[in-house]
Amino acid sequence: MILVVTLVVRVEALESFTRFECEAAKIMARHGGKIERAMRMAVEPSTQTFREIHWVSFASAEGFAAYRADEALKPWLSLRDAAVAKMEILSGEALSEPLYG
C-alpha cells in the first residue's frame, strides 16, 4: 500500500511538526510502515505555511489501519494538530513497471 500525504505546515510550528514526524515514524515502523521519501516546498509568504509531501509505504491496508488506531500515537496528535493546517491522504498501489520508457 502506498500513500501520498500532502501536509500544509505552519512555519512557526516546525519544531512540533518535526517532533511529531519522528515519533510517528517509529510507531509506523511497528506496523510495517515507512516514510520512503519527503519533499518540502518553499514557504508561502502570505500564509506563513509550507507544503510537505510524503511518499509512505505500508505492507498492507491493515497495517495502516493498525498504525492509525495505535494508542501510542494519540499523545503525539496534539503536536500534529498544532502544526498542520491541512492534510490530504491519497492511497493506491505501486506499479510493478514504469508506464513510460
N, C-alpha and C. Protein backbone atom coordinates (compact mmCIF):
# COMPACT_ATOMS: atom_id res chain seq x y z
N MET A 1 0.85 -1.17 0.00
CA MET A 1 0.00 0.00 0.00
C MET A 1 0.89 1.23 0.00
N ILE A 2 0.58 2.15 -0.89
CA ILE A 2 1.32 3.40 -0.99
C ILE A 2 0.38 4.56 -0.64
N LEU A 3 0.89 5.48 0.16
CA LEU A 3 0.16 6.71 0.49
C LEU A 3 0.97 7.89 0.01
N VAL A 4 0.30 8.88 -0.56
CA VAL A 4 0.91 10.17 -0.83
C VAL A 4 0.20 11.14 0.09
N VAL A 5 0.95 11.70 1.03
CA VAL A 5 0.39 12.56 2.05
C VAL A 5 0.89 13.99 1.81
N THR A 6 -0.04 14.90 1.60
CA THR A 6 0.29 16.31 1.42
C THR A 6 -0.11 17.05 2.69
N LEU A 7 0.85 17.75 3.27
CA LEU A 7 0.62 18.48 4.51
C LEU A 7 0.91 19.95 4.29
N VAL A 8 0.06 20.80 4.83
CA VAL A 8 0.32 22.24 4.85
C VAL A 8 0.69 22.55 6.30
N VAL A 9 1.94 22.98 6.50
CA VAL A 9 2.51 23.11 7.84
C VAL A 9 2.74 24.58 8.17
N ARG A 10 2.38 24.97 9.38
CA ARG A 10 2.62 26.33 9.86
C ARG A 10 4.10 26.49 10.19
N VAL A 11 4.73 27.51 9.62
CA VAL A 11 6.16 27.73 9.82
C VAL A 11 6.51 27.83 11.30
N GLU A 12 5.72 28.55 12.07
CA GLU A 12 6.05 28.74 13.49
C GLU A 12 5.96 27.45 14.30
N ALA A 13 5.37 26.41 13.73
CA ALA A 13 5.22 25.14 14.44
C ALA A 13 6.12 24.05 13.87
N LEU A 14 7.17 24.44 13.16
CA LEU A 14 8.05 23.45 12.53
C LEU A 14 8.66 22.49 13.55
N GLU A 15 9.07 22.99 14.70
CA GLU A 15 9.67 22.12 15.71
C GLU A 15 8.68 21.06 16.19
N SER A 16 7.46 21.45 16.44
CA SER A 16 6.42 20.50 16.85
C SER A 16 6.15 19.48 15.75
N PHE A 17 6.10 19.95 14.52
CA PHE A 17 5.86 19.07 13.39
C PHE A 17 6.98 18.03 13.26
N THR A 18 8.22 18.48 13.37
CA THR A 18 9.36 17.58 13.26
C THR A 18 9.34 16.54 14.38
N ARG A 19 9.02 16.97 15.58
CA ARG A 19 8.94 16.03 16.71
C ARG A 19 7.84 14.99 16.48
N PHE A 20 6.68 15.45 16.00
CA PHE A 20 5.60 14.52 15.70
C PHE A 20 6.04 13.51 14.63
N GLU A 21 6.65 14.00 13.56
CA GLU A 21 7.08 13.11 12.48
C GLU A 21 8.02 12.02 12.98
N CYS A 22 8.97 12.40 13.82
CA CYS A 22 9.94 11.42 14.34
C CYS A 22 9.24 10.34 15.16
N GLU A 23 8.35 10.74 16.03
CA GLU A 23 7.64 9.77 16.87
C GLU A 23 6.68 8.93 16.03
N ALA A 24 5.98 9.56 15.11
CA ALA A 24 5.03 8.83 14.26
C ALA A 24 5.76 7.79 13.41
N ALA A 25 6.94 8.14 12.91
CA ALA A 25 7.70 7.19 12.08
C ALA A 25 8.08 5.95 12.88
N LYS A 26 8.43 6.12 14.15
CA LYS A 26 8.76 4.97 15.00
C LYS A 26 7.54 4.05 15.17
N ILE A 27 6.40 4.66 15.42
CA ILE A 27 5.16 3.88 15.61
C ILE A 27 4.75 3.23 14.29
N MET A 28 4.88 3.97 13.21
CA MET A 28 4.56 3.47 11.87
C MET A 28 5.37 2.20 11.56
N ALA A 29 6.64 2.22 11.91
CA ALA A 29 7.52 1.08 11.62
C ALA A 29 7.04 -0.19 12.30
N ARG A 30 6.45 -0.06 13.47
CA ARG A 30 5.93 -1.25 14.17
C ARG A 30 4.77 -1.90 13.44
N HIS A 31 4.18 -1.16 12.51
CA HIS A 31 3.03 -1.67 11.75
C HIS A 31 3.36 -1.89 10.27
N GLY A 32 4.66 -1.96 9.97
CA GLY A 32 5.08 -2.22 8.60
C GLY A 32 5.06 -0.99 7.71
N GLY A 33 5.09 0.20 8.32
CA GLY A 33 5.05 1.43 7.54
C GLY A 33 6.38 2.16 7.54
N LYS A 34 6.57 2.98 6.51
CA LYS A 34 7.82 3.71 6.38
C LYS A 34 7.60 4.95 5.52
N ILE A 35 8.17 6.08 5.93
CA ILE A 35 8.19 7.25 5.08
C ILE A 35 9.35 7.04 4.11
N GLU A 36 9.01 6.75 2.87
CA GLU A 36 10.01 6.42 1.86
C GLU A 36 10.73 7.67 1.36
N ARG A 37 9.98 8.74 1.17
CA ARG A 37 10.51 9.99 0.65
C ARG A 37 9.71 11.14 1.21
N ALA A 38 10.36 12.29 1.35
CA ALA A 38 9.66 13.51 1.75
C ALA A 38 10.21 14.66 0.94
N MET A 39 9.34 15.59 0.60
CA MET A 39 9.75 16.77 -0.15
C MET A 39 9.09 17.99 0.49
N ARG A 40 9.89 19.01 0.76
CA ARG A 40 9.37 20.24 1.36
C ARG A 40 9.44 21.36 0.32
N MET A 41 8.32 22.06 0.17
CA MET A 41 8.25 23.19 -0.75
C MET A 41 8.64 24.48 -0.01
N ALA A 42 8.84 25.54 -0.78
CA ALA A 42 9.17 26.84 -0.21
C ALA A 42 8.01 27.38 0.62
N VAL A 43 8.35 28.24 1.55
CA VAL A 43 7.34 28.89 2.39
C VAL A 43 6.47 29.79 1.52
N GLU A 44 5.17 29.75 1.78
CA GLU A 44 4.22 30.65 1.12
C GLU A 44 4.12 31.89 2.01
N PRO A 45 4.73 33.01 1.61
CA PRO A 45 4.81 34.19 2.48
C PRO A 45 3.45 34.71 2.97
N SER A 46 2.43 34.63 2.14
CA SER A 46 1.14 35.20 2.53
C SER A 46 0.48 34.44 3.67
N THR A 47 0.79 33.15 3.81
CA THR A 47 0.15 32.33 4.85
C THR A 47 1.13 31.83 5.90
N GLN A 48 2.43 32.06 5.66
CA GLN A 48 3.47 31.55 6.55
C GLN A 48 3.32 30.05 6.79
N THR A 49 3.06 29.34 5.68
CA THR A 49 2.99 27.88 5.70
C THR A 49 3.87 27.35 4.57
N PHE A 50 4.15 26.07 4.65
CA PHE A 50 4.83 25.39 3.55
C PHE A 50 4.15 24.05 3.36
N ARG A 51 4.30 23.49 2.19
CA ARG A 51 3.77 22.16 1.90
C ARG A 51 4.89 21.15 2.03
N GLU A 52 4.53 19.99 2.58
CA GLU A 52 5.46 18.87 2.62
C GLU A 52 4.70 17.67 2.09
N ILE A 53 5.34 16.93 1.21
CA ILE A 53 4.72 15.76 0.60
C ILE A 53 5.51 14.53 1.02
N HIS A 54 4.80 13.52 1.51
CA HIS A 54 5.42 12.27 1.93
C HIS A 54 4.93 11.14 1.04
N TRP A 55 5.85 10.28 0.65
CA TRP A 55 5.55 9.02 -0.03
C TRP A 55 5.73 7.97 1.06
N VAL A 56 4.64 7.35 1.48
CA VAL A 56 4.64 6.42 2.62
C VAL A 56 4.22 5.04 2.13
N SER A 57 4.91 4.02 2.62
CA SER A 57 4.52 2.65 2.27
C SER A 57 4.11 1.88 3.52
N PHE A 58 3.15 1.01 3.34
CA PHE A 58 2.73 0.05 4.36
C PHE A 58 2.64 -1.31 3.69
N ALA A 59 2.95 -2.35 4.42
CA ALA A 59 2.86 -3.70 3.87
C ALA A 59 1.42 -4.06 3.50
N SER A 60 0.46 -3.43 4.20
CA SER A 60 -0.95 -3.75 3.93
C SER A 60 -1.84 -2.62 4.44
N ALA A 61 -3.07 -2.62 3.97
CA ALA A 61 -4.06 -1.66 4.47
C ALA A 61 -4.33 -1.90 5.94
N GLU A 62 -4.25 -3.16 6.36
CA GLU A 62 -4.47 -3.48 7.78
C GLU A 62 -3.37 -2.87 8.65
N GLY A 63 -2.13 -2.86 8.15
CA GLY A 63 -1.04 -2.24 8.88
C GLY A 63 -1.26 -0.74 9.04
N PHE A 64 -1.74 -0.09 7.97
CA PHE A 64 -2.04 1.34 8.05
C PHE A 64 -3.15 1.59 9.07
N ALA A 65 -4.20 0.78 9.03
CA ALA A 65 -5.30 0.93 9.98
C ALA A 65 -4.81 0.72 11.42
N ALA A 66 -3.94 -0.25 11.62
CA ALA A 66 -3.40 -0.51 12.97
C ALA A 66 -2.55 0.66 13.44
N TYR A 67 -1.78 1.25 12.54
CA TYR A 67 -0.99 2.44 12.89
C TYR A 67 -1.90 3.57 13.34
N ARG A 68 -2.95 3.84 12.56
CA ARG A 68 -3.87 4.94 12.88
C ARG A 68 -4.59 4.72 14.20
N ALA A 69 -4.81 3.44 14.57
CA ALA A 69 -5.53 3.12 15.81
C ALA A 69 -4.60 2.92 17.00
N ASP A 70 -3.31 2.93 16.78
CA ASP A 70 -2.34 2.65 17.85
C ASP A 70 -2.44 3.71 18.96
N GLU A 71 -2.65 3.25 20.17
CA GLU A 71 -2.76 4.16 21.32
C GLU A 71 -1.49 4.97 21.54
N ALA A 72 -0.35 4.44 21.13
CA ALA A 72 0.93 5.15 21.31
C ALA A 72 0.99 6.41 20.45
N LEU A 73 0.18 6.49 19.41
CA LEU A 73 0.17 7.66 18.54
C LEU A 73 -0.61 8.82 19.15
N LYS A 74 -1.61 8.50 19.92
CA LYS A 74 -2.54 9.51 20.43
C LYS A 74 -1.88 10.66 21.19
N PRO A 75 -0.89 10.44 22.07
CA PRO A 75 -0.29 11.58 22.78
C PRO A 75 0.44 12.56 21.86
N TRP A 76 0.79 12.13 20.67
CA TRP A 76 1.54 12.97 19.74
C TRP A 76 0.65 13.74 18.78
N LEU A 77 -0.62 13.40 18.72
CA LEU A 77 -1.52 14.03 17.76
C LEU A 77 -1.71 15.52 18.00
N SER A 78 -1.59 15.96 19.24
CA SER A 78 -1.75 17.40 19.52
C SER A 78 -0.63 18.20 18.87
N LEU A 79 0.58 17.62 18.78
CA LEU A 79 1.68 18.29 18.08
C LEU A 79 1.36 18.43 16.59
N ARG A 80 0.85 17.34 16.02
CA ARG A 80 0.47 17.38 14.60
C ARG A 80 -0.63 18.40 14.37
N ASP A 81 -1.64 18.37 15.22
CA ASP A 81 -2.78 19.28 15.04
C ASP A 81 -2.38 20.74 15.19
N ALA A 82 -1.42 21.03 16.06
CA ALA A 82 -0.95 22.40 16.23
C ALA A 82 -0.13 22.87 15.04
N ALA A 83 0.53 21.95 14.35
CA ALA A 83 1.44 22.31 13.27
C ALA A 83 0.81 22.24 11.88
N VAL A 84 -0.12 21.34 11.69
CA VAL A 84 -0.64 21.07 10.34
C VAL A 84 -1.97 21.79 10.14
N ALA A 85 -1.98 22.69 9.15
CA ALA A 85 -3.20 23.42 8.84
C ALA A 85 -4.15 22.59 7.97
N LYS A 86 -3.56 21.71 7.14
CA LYS A 86 -4.38 20.90 6.23
C LYS A 86 -3.58 19.66 5.86
N MET A 87 -4.29 18.55 5.68
CA MET A 87 -3.65 17.30 5.30
C MET A 87 -4.57 16.56 4.33
N GLU A 88 -3.95 16.00 3.30
CA GLU A 88 -4.67 15.17 2.35
C GLU A 88 -3.91 13.86 2.18
N ILE A 89 -4.63 12.74 2.21
CA ILE A 89 -4.02 11.42 2.06
C ILE A 89 -4.64 10.73 0.86
N LEU A 90 -3.79 10.36 -0.09
CA LEU A 90 -4.21 9.57 -1.25
C LEU A 90 -3.59 8.20 -1.12
N SER A 91 -4.34 7.15 -1.41
CA SER A 91 -3.79 5.81 -1.30
C SER A 91 -3.92 5.07 -2.62
N GLY A 92 -3.00 4.14 -2.83
CA GLY A 92 -3.02 3.35 -4.05
C GLY A 92 -2.00 2.23 -3.97
N GLU A 93 -1.73 1.64 -5.09
CA GLU A 93 -0.77 0.53 -5.20
C GLU A 93 0.38 0.97 -6.09
N ALA A 94 1.58 0.58 -5.74
CA ALA A 94 2.73 0.87 -6.59
C ALA A 94 2.65 0.02 -7.85
N LEU A 95 3.04 0.59 -8.96
CA LEU A 95 3.08 -0.16 -10.22
C LEU A 95 4.37 -0.96 -10.25
N SER A 96 4.29 -2.18 -10.76
CA SER A 96 5.49 -3.03 -10.80
C SER A 96 6.45 -2.59 -11.89
N GLU A 97 5.94 -1.94 -12.93
CA GLU A 97 6.80 -1.48 -14.02
C GLU A 97 6.44 -0.03 -14.34
N PRO A 98 7.41 0.76 -14.75
CA PRO A 98 7.10 2.13 -15.17
C PRO A 98 6.15 2.13 -16.36
N LEU A 99 5.29 3.12 -16.42
CA LEU A 99 4.35 3.21 -17.54
C LEU A 99 5.03 3.69 -18.81
N TYR A 100 6.08 4.48 -18.65
CA TYR A 100 6.74 5.09 -19.81
C TYR A 100 8.23 4.76 -19.77
N GLY A 101 8.82 4.60 -20.93
CA GLY A 101 10.25 4.45 -21.04
C GLY A 101 10.72 3.08 -20.83
